[in-house]
């Protein structure tokens, strides 16, 4: 007996999306992405800010550990003749930042920075230059956009050119600079008193807590500097006795320049002060080890450039350890 055939119902073809429906779906997706993007960017910046503040806090802690071992904070820089590169405070802090291997390879205690360049014999590919171009995450703020090496693209950019330095050398970037104080003075080798300033770091400085007479919770230790202000470097100073942006301000900043000071053709801009890529202000470490976010609108009055001066603003007073005019922060944490 033959097998009977059963008719199957005809499957209805699946209806295709119309062009209008596809455009509506795409528009909805794009709208959702547009709504979500600010929240995602805000969350990312919040994470970057947290990392930036934590890095600064760890550097401040390392400086306090240095102080515990030596009874003073490290020198802002080692005073040397003009255009003679010299180590600065970050290099001396390395053993307290778990960077002992790099510290030993550079031989910071026994070899001058200029001698390290001499060993490179003018070659950018030398091991010595490689060490000086090491990216150190602890000295970088994730919000900042400065490349790993401090770029020299055109005249006016911060650079590390000196007779002993290989042509084309670019140093490793740092976003954290020490507080030099109020006075924009050079550091004359023949007169070491000229190196002195009102902050914590300057030429051959040896500032201990007892010398911070305004109070450790009312005095800047470190602050930020970003790409717009040409950042800085952890290796030291190209011209330590110089007062311009190509000298000691490669790793220090002064407080008689407004935070995020507008750029201009002159050198006395934020290239010698503090600056940040964060919205509304910058992170600072105080001499008690705490880290605070300082508003860019903080009270600022340069007091006609004179120090000490009762009319100086809160920002200037926080940048000096001994103006006998201590101020409460009055800042957002």
Foldseek 3Di string as FASTA:
>chain_A
DDDDDDDDDDDDDDDDDDPVRVVVVVVVVVVVCVVCVVVVVVVVVVVLVVLQLVLQLQLLVLQVVVCVVVVFGFAQWAADAFQQWFAGRLLVSCVSNVNVVLNVVLVNVPDGPLVLLVVCVLDCPDPSLVSQLDQDSSQDRVLFDQPQFLDDDDPPAAALDGPSHRPPRTGGFGFKAFQQAADLFFQDPVDNVRQHHQARHTHRGTHHPVLLVLDQQQAFTMWGAHVVLSGAHNGGASTARDSFLRYSLNRHAYQLAQEQFDDDPDRPGCSRHHYDPDPFFIWTATRVSDIATAGSPAFADCQVVDPPDPPGGSSNRNSGRPSVDGDDRPGHD
